[in-house]
Amino acid sequence: MNPYTGEITGTIHQDNSFLGTVLQLHRGLLLGEVGKKITGVSAFVFLFMIISGIILWWPKGKFSKQKFNLKKGASLKRLNYDMHSVLGFYASWVLIFSVVTGLIWSFKWVENSMYAMVGSKKEKKQYHSTYSDSTTFSLEKTISFCKQEFPEHKEIFITLPEDSAGTYRFNLRNNHSDGFFKDQHQLFFDQYSGNIVKKQLFADAQKGDKLKALNYDIHTGKIFGLTGQFIVFFSALIAASLPITGFIMWRNKRRSKQTFFKD
């Protein structure tokens, strides 16, 4: 949209783009709400497999260095076992957080449980505008106000009003803030007058809201920057290899049993 004339110069529909399609496939298998339930149940199964794998990995006696390293010069059979066991162990601790944070998008009760876990209660943030035909909302003026009020918050995400009684919601994020939590403020503006209806500062937000604001960054590893994203990426690659290495282990074990019975 031309910021001076208001003329729409072009449109991009995220759902129709390549990455948009991949995102829909990842979240719901392109099946809408039904797909979200399928991926959610699959994530629960995956979480069970991760935890049970850690239990099987855990040494019954003293810890051995071999549990943490790939054996050098080992046979292909042993190398396959180590890739499944050792690499799977390291990736599991990252995957647990990725899976749990993903479940929040599939099941509301998981999100409610997260709030309850930190002693918070989720509240619906519904604010209303007061209709007036004598005043006009100025997007440029509102953005300028946000920049002057919070100059360190460079990223601004704007949500348009849902109806004639709704408000503009501005999410302001400071990606360079110190600490585990990144400052994220929410400002609600009357869509007619442009006056602030509600100012929700991050410091005043309850713990549940702060944790939810971090959910996407934890899920993708962005909470630790590019390094965290690489860690999640390689953990996901290892996760993709586990069914393959696990199948090879099962096949080798089955062949060994067949040979034993033949002998």
C-alpha atoms as a PDB file:
ATOM      1  CA  MET A   1       0.000   0.000   0.000  1.00  0.00           C
ATOM      2  CA  ASN A   2       1.315   3.409  -0.971  1.00  0.00           C
ATOM      3  CA  PRO A   3       1.841   5.216   2.376  1.00  0.00           C
ATOM      4  CA  TYR A   4       1.056   8.603   0.825  1.00  0.00           C
ATOM      5  CA  THR A   5      -1.990   7.958  -1.368  1.00  0.00           C
ATOM      6  CA  GLY A   6      -3.382   4.787   0.241  1.00  0.00           C
ATOM      7  CA  GLU A   7      -3.400   3.097  -3.175  1.00  0.00           C
ATOM      8  CA  ILE A   8      -2.976  -0.712  -3.082  1.00  0.00           C
ATOM      9  CA  THR A   9       0.008  -1.457  -5.317  1.00  0.00           C
ATOM     10  CA  GLY A  10      -0.024  -5.248  -4.981  1.00  0.00           C
ATOM     11  CA  THR A  11      -1.020  -8.185  -2.800  1.00  0.00           C
ATOM     12  CA  ILE A  12       0.800 -11.227  -1.441  1.00  0.00           C
ATOM     13  CA  HIS A  13      -1.215 -14.060   0.066  1.00  0.00           C
ATOM     14  CA  GLN A  14       1.074 -16.005   2.374  1.00  0.00           C
ATOM     15  CA  ASP A  15      -1.015 -19.194   2.204  1.00  0.00           C
ATOM     16  CA  ASN A  16      -0.493 -19.381  -1.569  1.00  0.00           C
ATOM     17  CA  SER A  17       3.288 -18.982  -1.415  1.00  0.00           C
ATOM     18  CA  PHE A  18       5.719 -21.908  -1.239  1.00  0.00           C
ATOM     19  CA  LEU A  19       6.676 -21.289   2.392  1.00  0.00           C
ATOM     20  CA  GLY A  20       3.037 -20.656   3.263  1.00  0.00           C
ATOM     21  CA  THR A  21       2.090 -24.054   1.829  1.00  0.00           C
ATOM     22  CA  VAL A  22       4.959 -25.724   3.716  1.00  0.00           C
ATOM     23  CA  LEU A  23       3.766 -24.041   6.937  1.00  0.00           C
ATOM     24  CA  GLN A  24       0.205 -25.314   6.424  1.00  0.00           C
ATOM     25  CA  LEU A  25       1.575 -28.781   5.668  1.00  0.00           C
ATOM     26  CA  HIS A  26       3.691 -28.667   8.830  1.00  0.00           C
ATOM     27  CA  ARG A  27       0.872 -27.491  11.074  1.00  0.00           C
ATOM     28  CA  GLY A  28      -2.124 -29.300   9.632  1.00  0.00           C
ATOM     29  CA  LEU A  29      -1.205 -31.492   6.625  1.00  0.00           C
ATOM     30  CA  LEU A  30      -3.285 -29.091   4.460  1.00  0.00           C
ATOM     31  CA  LEU A  31      -6.410 -30.532   6.132  1.00  0.00           C
ATOM     32  CA  GLY A  32      -7.437 -27.572   8.286  1.00  0.00           C
ATOM     33  CA  GLU A  33      -8.579 -28.249  11.850  1.00  0.00           C
ATOM     34  CA  VAL A  34      -8.687 -32.020  11.276  1.00  0.00           C
ATOM     35  CA  GLY A  35      -5.057 -31.906  10.187  1.00  0.00           C
ATOM     36  CA  LYS A  36      -4.101 -29.965  13.323  1.00  0.00           C
ATOM     37  CA  LYS A  37      -5.580 -32.726  15.475  1.00  0.00           C
ATOM     38  CA  ILE A  38      -3.698 -35.379  13.485  1.00  0.00           C
ATOM     39  CA  THR A  39      -0.364 -33.561  13.837  1.00  0.00           C
ATOM     40  CA  GLY A  40      -1.149 -32.950  17.523  1.00  0.00           C
ATOM     41  CA  VAL A  41      -1.778 -36.634  18.234  1.00  0.00           C
ATOM     42  CA  SER A  42       1.317 -37.536  16.203  1.00  0.00           C
ATOM     43  CA  ALA A  43       3.336 -35.089  18.308  1.00  0.00           C
ATOM     44  CA  PHE A  44       2.114 -36.804  21.484  1.00  0.00           C
ATOM     45  CA  VAL A  45       3.209 -40.189  20.095  1.00  0.00           C
ATOM     46  CA  PHE A  46       6.556 -38.677  19.140  1.00  0.00           C
ATOM     47  CA  LEU A  47       6.955 -37.225  22.648  1.00  0.00           C
ATOM     48  CA  PHE A  48       6.302 -40.670  24.135  1.00  0.00           C
ATOM     49  CA  MET A  49       8.902 -42.190  21.782  1.00  0.00           C
ATOM     50  CA  ILE A  50      11.477 -39.558  22.800  1.00  0.00           C
ATOM     51  CA  ILE A  51      10.977 -40.114  26.540  1.00  0.00           C
ATOM     52  CA  SER A  52      10.943 -43.907  26.206  1.00  0.00           C
ATOM     53  CA  GLY A  53      14.107 -43.686  24.085  1.00  0.00           C
ATOM     54  CA  ILE A  54      15.896 -41.715  26.810  1.00  0.00           C
ATOM     55  CA  ILE A  55      14.834 -44.341  29.373  1.00  0.00           C
ATOM     56  CA  LEU A  56      16.196 -47.155  27.180  1.00  0.00           C
ATOM     57  CA  TRP A  57      19.419 -45.211  26.617  1.00  0.00           C
ATOM     58  CA  TRP A  58      19.991 -44.524  30.321  1.00  0.00           C
ATOM     59  CA  PRO A  59      22.791 -46.771  31.659  1.00  0.00           C
ATOM     60  CA  LYS A  60      21.712 -49.469  34.098  1.00  0.00           C
ATOM     61  CA  GLY A  61      25.054 -49.339  35.903  1.00  0.00           C
ATOM     62  CA  LYS A  62      27.899 -46.851  35.702  1.00  0.00           C
ATOM     63  CA  PHE A  63      27.983 -44.238  32.945  1.00  0.00           C
ATOM     64  CA  SER A  64      30.191 -45.227  30.030  1.00  0.00           C
ATOM     65  CA  LYS A  65      31.930 -42.784  27.695  1.00  0.00           C
ATOM     66  CA  GLN A  66      30.706 -44.910  24.806  1.00  0.00           C
ATOM     67  CA  LYS A  67      27.172 -43.824  25.614  1.00  0.00           C
ATOM     68  CA  PHE A  68      28.116 -40.291  24.566  1.00  0.00           C
ATOM     69  CA  ASN A  69      30.375 -40.932  21.547  1.00  0.00           C
ATOM     70  CA  LEU A  70      30.253 -42.696  18.205  1.00  0.00           C
ATOM     71  CA  LYS A  71      32.649 -45.634  18.281  1.00  0.00           C
ATOM     72  CA  LYS A  72      35.581 -45.104  15.930  1.00  0.00           C
ATOM     73  CA  GLY A  73      36.335 -47.793  13.365  1.00  0.00           C
ATOM     74  CA  ALA A  74      33.145 -49.689  14.223  1.00  0.00           C
ATOM     75  CA  SER A  75      31.262 -51.941  11.828  1.00  0.00           C
ATOM     76  CA  LEU A  76      28.296 -50.567   9.882  1.00  0.00           C
ATOM     77  CA  LYS A  77      25.932 -52.399  12.217  1.00  0.00           C
ATOM     78  CA  ARG A  78      27.515 -50.812  15.299  1.00  0.00           C
ATOM     79  CA  LEU A  79      27.738 -47.410  13.607  1.00  0.00           C
ATOM     80  CA  ASN A  80      24.025 -47.567  12.817  1.00  0.00           C
ATOM     81  CA  TYR A  81      23.287 -48.432  16.470  1.00  0.00           C
ATOM     82  CA  ASP A  82      25.410 -45.525  17.731  1.00  0.00           C
ATOM     83  CA  MET A  83      23.783 -43.087  15.304  1.00  0.00           C
ATOM     84  CA  HIS A  84      20.384 -44.111  16.649  1.00  0.00           C
ATOM     85  CA  SER A  85      21.386 -44.199  20.310  1.00  0.00           C
ATOM     86  CA  VAL A  86      24.010 -41.479  20.720  1.00  0.00           C
ATOM     87  CA  LEU A  87      22.753 -38.892  18.247  1.00  0.00           C
ATOM     88  CA  GLY A  88      19.185 -39.616  19.280  1.00  0.00           C
ATOM     89  CA  PHE A  89      20.080 -38.954  22.922  1.00  0.00           C
ATOM     90  CA  TYR A  90      21.572 -35.533  22.191  1.00  0.00           C
ATOM     91  CA  ALA A  91      18.727 -34.506  19.887  1.00  0.00           C
ATOM     92  CA  SER A  92      16.040 -35.683  22.327  1.00  0.00           C
ATOM     93  CA  TRP A  93      16.634 -32.869  24.816  1.00  0.00           C
ATOM     94  CA  VAL A  94      16.090 -30.282  22.088  1.00  0.00           C
ATOM     95  CA  LEU A  95      13.170 -32.127  20.495  1.00  0.00           C
ATOM     96  CA  ILE A  96      11.256 -32.330  23.782  1.00  0.00           C
ATOM     97  CA  PHE A  97      10.996 -28.532  23.923  1.00  0.00           C
ATOM     98  CA  SER A  98      10.177 -28.310  20.218  1.00  0.00           C
ATOM     99  CA  VAL A  99       7.393 -30.896  20.494  1.00  0.00           C
ATOM    100  CA  VAL A 100       5.814 -29.466  23.667  1.00  0.00           C
ATOM    101  CA  THR A 101       5.761 -25.925  22.272  1.00  0.00           C
ATOM    102  CA  GLY A 102       4.224 -27.244  19.051  1.00  0.00           C
ATOM    103  CA  LEU A 103       1.387 -28.915  20.980  1.00  0.00           C
ATOM    104  CA  ILE A 104       0.174 -25.494  22.137  1.00  0.00           C
ATOM    105  CA  TRP A 105      -1.007 -24.743  18.580  1.00  0.00           C
ATOM    106  CA  SER A 106      -2.930 -28.011  18.325  1.00  0.00           C
ATOM    107  CA  PHE A 107      -4.701 -28.231  21.689  1.00  0.00           C
ATOM    108  CA  LYS A 108      -6.109 -25.392  23.779  1.00  0.00           C
ATOM    109  CA  TRP A 109      -5.883 -27.479  26.951  1.00  0.00           C
ATOM    110  CA  VAL A 110      -2.099 -27.693  26.521  1.00  0.00           C
ATOM    111  CA  GLU A 111      -1.941 -23.901  26.405  1.00  0.00           C
ATOM    112  CA  ASN A 112      -4.204 -23.642  29.468  1.00  0.00           C
ATOM    113  CA  SER A 113      -1.960 -26.158  31.253  1.00  0.00           C
ATOM    114  CA  MET A 114       1.060 -23.999  30.471  1.00  0.00           C
ATOM    115  CA  TYR A 115      -0.653 -21.004  32.088  1.00  0.00           C
ATOM    116  CA  ALA A 116      -1.656 -23.068  35.123  1.00  0.00           C
ATOM    117  CA  MET A 117       1.880 -24.444  35.462  1.00  0.00           C
ATOM    118  CA  VAL A 118       3.289 -20.959  36.032  1.00  0.00           C
ATOM    119  CA  GLY A 119       0.358 -19.863  38.205  1.00  0.00           C
ATOM    120  CA  SER A 120      -1.377 -17.697  35.591  1.00  0.00           C
ATOM    121  CA  LYS A 121      -4.812 -17.635  34.016  1.00  0.00           C
ATOM    122  CA  LYS A 122      -5.376 -16.881  30.354  1.00  0.00           C
ATOM    123  CA  GLU A 123      -7.515 -13.817  29.786  1.00  0.00           C
ATOM    124  CA  LYS A 124      -9.327 -12.825  26.611  1.00  0.00           C
ATOM    125  CA  LYS A 125      -8.061  -9.446  25.475  1.00  0.00           C
ATOM    126  CA  GLN A 126     -11.119  -7.881  23.908  1.00  0.00           C
ATOM    127  CA  TYR A 127     -11.202  -4.098  23.766  1.00  0.00           C
ATOM    128  CA  HIS A 128     -13.710  -1.948  21.904  1.00  0.00           C
ATOM    129  CA  SER A 129     -13.627   1.245  19.913  1.00  0.00           C
ATOM    130  CA  THR A 130     -16.145   4.082  20.351  1.00  0.00           C
ATOM    131  CA  TYR A 131     -17.669   5.036  17.014  1.00  0.00           C
ATOM    132  CA  SER A 132     -17.163   8.615  15.915  1.00  0.00           C
ATOM    133  CA  ASP A 133     -17.573  10.185  12.478  1.00  0.00           C
ATOM    134  CA  SER A 134     -15.716  13.345  13.458  1.00  0.00           C
ATOM    135  CA  THR A 135     -12.274  11.805  13.975  1.00  0.00           C
ATOM    136  CA  THR A 136     -10.063   9.686  11.733  1.00  0.00           C
ATOM    137  CA  PHE A 137      -7.469   7.084  12.690  1.00  0.00           C
ATOM    138  CA  SER A 138      -4.007   7.944  11.375  1.00  0.00           C
ATOM    139  CA  LEU A 139      -1.740   4.940  10.927  1.00  0.00           C
ATOM    140  CA  GLU A 140       1.299   7.136  10.281  1.00  0.00           C
ATOM    141  CA  LYS A 141       0.653   9.159  13.444  1.00  0.00           C
ATOM    142  CA  THR A 142       0.189   6.015  15.522  1.00  0.00           C
ATOM    143  CA  ILE A 143       3.409   4.403  14.250  1.00  0.00           C
ATOM    144  CA  SER A 144       5.296   7.644  14.938  1.00  0.00           C
ATOM    145  CA  PHE A 145       3.909   7.633  18.486  1.00  0.00           C
ATOM    146  CA  CYS A 146       5.104   4.032  19.016  1.00  0.00           C
ATOM    147  CA  LYS A 147       8.576   4.867  17.720  1.00  0.00           C
ATOM    148  CA  GLN A 148       8.865   7.897  19.988  1.00  0.00           C
ATOM    149  CA  GLU A 149       7.447   6.103  23.039  1.00  0.00           C
ATOM    150  CA  PHE A 150       9.478   2.894  22.543  1.00  0.00           C
ATOM    151  CA  PRO A 151      12.449   3.744  20.265  1.00  0.00           C
ATOM    152  CA  GLU A 152      14.268   0.475  21.093  1.00  0.00           C
ATOM    153  CA  HIS A 153      11.375  -1.647  19.772  1.00  0.00           C
ATOM    154  CA  LYS A 154      12.171  -1.794  16.060  1.00  0.00           C
ATOM    155  CA  GLU A 155       9.723  -4.550  15.099  1.00  0.00           C
ATOM    156  CA  ILE A 156       6.032  -3.588  14.938  1.00  0.00           C
ATOM    157  CA  PHE A 157       3.302  -6.087  14.050  1.00  0.00           C
ATOM    158  CA  ILE A 158      -0.122  -4.568  13.357  1.00  0.00           C
ATOM    159  CA  THR A 159      -3.401  -6.485  13.683  1.00  0.00           C
ATOM    160  CA  LEU A 160      -6.417  -4.817  12.055  1.00  0.00           C
ATOM    161  CA  PRO A 161      -9.807  -4.547  13.814  1.00  0.00           C
ATOM    162  CA  GLU A 162     -12.031  -7.580  13.306  1.00  0.00           C
ATOM    163  CA  ASP A 163     -15.203  -5.490  13.029  1.00  0.00           C
ATOM    164  CA  SER A 164     -16.555  -1.961  13.478  1.00  0.00           C
ATOM    165  CA  ALA A 165     -16.233  -2.246  17.269  1.00  0.00           C
ATOM    166  CA  GLY A 166     -12.704  -3.722  17.294  1.00  0.00           C
ATOM    167  CA  THR A 167      -9.369  -2.041  17.919  1.00  0.00           C
ATOM    168  CA  TYR A 168      -5.981  -1.873  16.240  1.00  0.00           C
ATOM    169  CA  ARG A 169      -3.470  -4.040  18.084  1.00  0.00           C
ATOM    170  CA  PHE A 170       0.202  -3.102  17.879  1.00  0.00           C
ATOM    171  CA  ASN A 171       2.758  -5.685  19.018  1.00  0.00           C
ATOM    172  CA  LEU A 172       6.121  -4.000  19.639  1.00  0.00           C
ATOM    173  CA  ARG A 173       9.167  -6.225  20.011  1.00  0.00           C
ATOM    174  CA  ASN A 174      12.711  -5.472  21.108  1.00  0.00           C
ATOM    175  CA  ASN A 175      14.889  -8.273  19.715  1.00  0.00           C
ATOM    176  CA  HIS A 176      18.015  -6.833  21.328  1.00  0.00           C
ATOM    177  CA  SER A 177      16.749  -6.730  24.905  1.00  0.00           C
ATOM    178  CA  ASP A 178      18.847  -8.508  27.515  1.00  0.00           C
ATOM    179  CA  GLY A 179      17.778 -11.674  29.306  1.00  0.00           C
ATOM    180  CA  PHE A 180      15.768 -14.747  28.433  1.00  0.00           C
ATOM    181  CA  PHE A 181      12.552 -12.823  27.819  1.00  0.00           C
ATOM    182  CA  LYS A 182      12.470 -10.340  24.941  1.00  0.00           C
ATOM    183  CA  ASP A 183      10.499  -7.175  25.637  1.00  0.00           C
ATOM    184  CA  GLN A 184       7.170  -7.298  23.786  1.00  0.00           C
ATOM    185  CA  HIS A 185       4.561  -4.622  24.420  1.00  0.00           C
ATOM    186  CA  GLN A 186       0.933  -4.630  23.256  1.00  0.00           C
ATOM    187  CA  LEU A 187      -0.901  -1.386  22.527  1.00  0.00           C
ATOM    188  CA  PHE A 188      -4.600  -1.262  21.612  1.00  0.00           C
ATOM    189  CA  PHE A 189      -5.854   1.810  19.700  1.00  0.00           C
ATOM    190  CA  ASP A 190      -9.375   3.044  19.033  1.00  0.00           C
ATOM    191  CA  GLN A 191      -9.900   2.596  15.284  1.00  0.00           C
ATOM    192  CA  TYR A 192     -11.744   5.938  14.998  1.00  0.00           C
ATOM    193  CA  SER A 193      -9.973   8.403  17.277  1.00  0.00           C
ATOM    194  CA  GLY A 194      -6.566   6.730  17.447  1.00  0.00           C
ATOM    195  CA  ASN A 195      -6.536   7.051  21.239  1.00  0.00           C
ATOM    196  CA  ILE A 196      -4.941   4.309  23.331  1.00  0.00           C
ATOM    197  CA  VAL A 197      -7.571   1.955  24.729  1.00  0.00           C
ATOM    198  CA  LYS A 198      -5.131  -0.316  26.563  1.00  0.00           C
ATOM    199  CA  LYS A 199      -1.360  -0.334  27.064  1.00  0.00           C
ATOM    200  CA  GLN A 200       0.025  -3.734  28.093  1.00  0.00           C
ATOM    201  CA  LEU A 201       3.696  -3.381  28.975  1.00  0.00           C
ATOM    202  CA  PHE A 202       5.772  -6.537  29.008  1.00  0.00           C
ATOM    203  CA  ALA A 203       7.020  -5.900  32.539  1.00  0.00           C
ATOM    204  CA  ASP A 204       3.419  -5.883  33.803  1.00  0.00           C
ATOM    205  CA  ALA A 205       2.322  -8.996  31.872  1.00  0.00           C
ATOM    206  CA  GLN A 206       1.648 -12.213  33.761  1.00  0.00           C
ATOM    207  CA  LYS A 207       4.088 -15.111  33.485  1.00  0.00           C
ATOM    208  CA  GLY A 208       1.775 -17.144  31.250  1.00  0.00           C
ATOM    209  CA  ASP A 209       1.583 -14.348  28.665  1.00  0.00           C
ATOM    210  CA  LYS A 210       5.359 -13.923  28.744  1.00  0.00           C
ATOM    211  CA  LEU A 211       5.900 -17.639  28.200  1.00  0.00           C
ATOM    212  CA  LYS A 212       3.380 -17.752  25.363  1.00  0.00           C
ATOM    213  CA  ALA A 213       5.110 -14.803  23.707  1.00  0.00           C
ATOM    214  CA  LEU A 214       8.291 -16.898  23.707  1.00  0.00           C
ATOM    215  CA  ASN A 215       6.609 -20.065  22.417  1.00  0.00           C
ATOM    216  CA  TYR A 216       7.459 -19.609  18.728  1.00  0.00           C
ATOM    217  CA  ASP A 217      11.070 -18.629  19.465  1.00  0.00           C
ATOM    218  CA  ILE A 218      11.552 -21.699  21.693  1.00  0.00           C
ATOM    219  CA  HIS A 219       9.910 -23.943  19.088  1.00  0.00           C
ATOM    220  CA  THR A 220      12.219 -22.780  16.312  1.00  0.00           C
ATOM    221  CA  GLY A 221      15.333 -22.113  18.403  1.00  0.00           C
ATOM    222  CA  LYS A 222      15.271 -18.388  17.635  1.00  0.00           C
ATOM    223  CA  ILE A 223      15.432 -17.658  21.342  1.00  0.00           C
ATOM    224  CA  PHE A 224      19.197 -18.320  21.064  1.00  0.00           C
ATOM    225  CA  GLY A 225      19.584 -16.589  17.726  1.00  0.00           C
ATOM    226  CA  LEU A 226      21.020 -18.235  14.631  1.00  0.00           C
ATOM    227  CA  THR A 227      22.930 -20.746  16.777  1.00  0.00           C
ATOM    228  CA  GLY A 228      19.685 -21.955  18.337  1.00  0.00           C
ATOM    229  CA  GLN A 229      18.054 -22.302  14.921  1.00  0.00           C
ATOM    230  CA  PHE A 230      20.948 -24.450  13.703  1.00  0.00           C
ATOM    231  CA  ILE A 231      20.665 -26.649  16.817  1.00  0.00           C
ATOM    232  CA  VAL A 232      16.939 -27.211  16.195  1.00  0.00           C
ATOM    233  CA  PHE A 233      17.585 -27.783  12.492  1.00  0.00           C
ATOM    234  CA  PHE A 234      20.183 -30.514  13.058  1.00  0.00           C
ATOM    235  CA  SER A 235      18.081 -32.050  15.833  1.00  0.00           C
ATOM    236  CA  ALA A 236      15.199 -32.290  13.368  1.00  0.00           C
ATOM    237  CA  LEU A 237      17.487 -33.978  10.824  1.00  0.00           C
ATOM    238  CA  ILE A 238      18.526 -36.519  13.462  1.00  0.00           C
ATOM    239  CA  ALA A 239      14.846 -37.066  14.329  1.00  0.00           C
ATOM    240  CA  ALA A 240      14.144 -37.782  10.664  1.00  0.00           C
ATOM    241  CA  SER A 241      16.951 -40.372  10.636  1.00  0.00           C
ATOM    242  CA  LEU A 242      15.732 -42.249  13.744  1.00  0.00           C
ATOM    243  CA  PRO A 243      12.965 -44.243  11.983  1.00  0.00           C
ATOM    244  CA  ILE A 244      15.526 -45.322   9.359  1.00  0.00           C
ATOM    245  CA  THR A 245      18.257 -46.363  11.805  1.00  0.00           C
ATOM    246  CA  GLY A 246      15.593 -47.944  14.049  1.00  0.00           C
ATOM    247  CA  PHE A 247      14.217 -49.982  11.151  1.00  0.00           C
ATOM    248  CA  ILE A 248      17.727 -51.188  10.245  1.00  0.00           C
ATOM    249  CA  MET A 249      18.287 -52.250  13.882  1.00  0.00           C
ATOM    250  CA  TRP A 250      14.971 -54.136  13.866  1.00  0.00           C
ATOM    251  CA  ARG A 251      15.834 -55.845  10.559  1.00  0.00           C
ATOM    252  CA  ASN A 252      19.307 -56.876  11.756  1.00  0.00           C
ATOM    253  CA  LYS A 253      17.848 -58.272  14.965  1.00  0.00           C
ATOM    254  CA  ARG A 254      15.189 -60.178  13.019  1.00  0.00           C
ATOM    255  CA  ARG A 255      17.812 -61.665  10.687  1.00  0.00           C
ATOM    256  CA  SER A 256      19.924 -62.721  13.676  1.00  0.00           C
ATOM    257  CA  LYS A 257      16.937 -64.553  15.176  1.00  0.00           C
ATOM    258  CA  GLN A 258      16.188 -66.301  11.892  1.00  0.00           C
ATOM    259  CA  THR A 259      19.837 -67.423  11.595  1.00  0.00           C
ATOM    260  CA  PHE A 260      19.770 -68.684  15.186  1.00  0.00           C
ATOM    261  CA  PHE A 261      16.675 -70.802  14.560  1.00  0.00           C
ATOM    262  CA  LYS A 262      18.130 -72.198  11.313  1.00  0.00           C
ATOM    263  CA  ASP A 263      21.308 -73.248  13.074  1.00  0.00           C
END
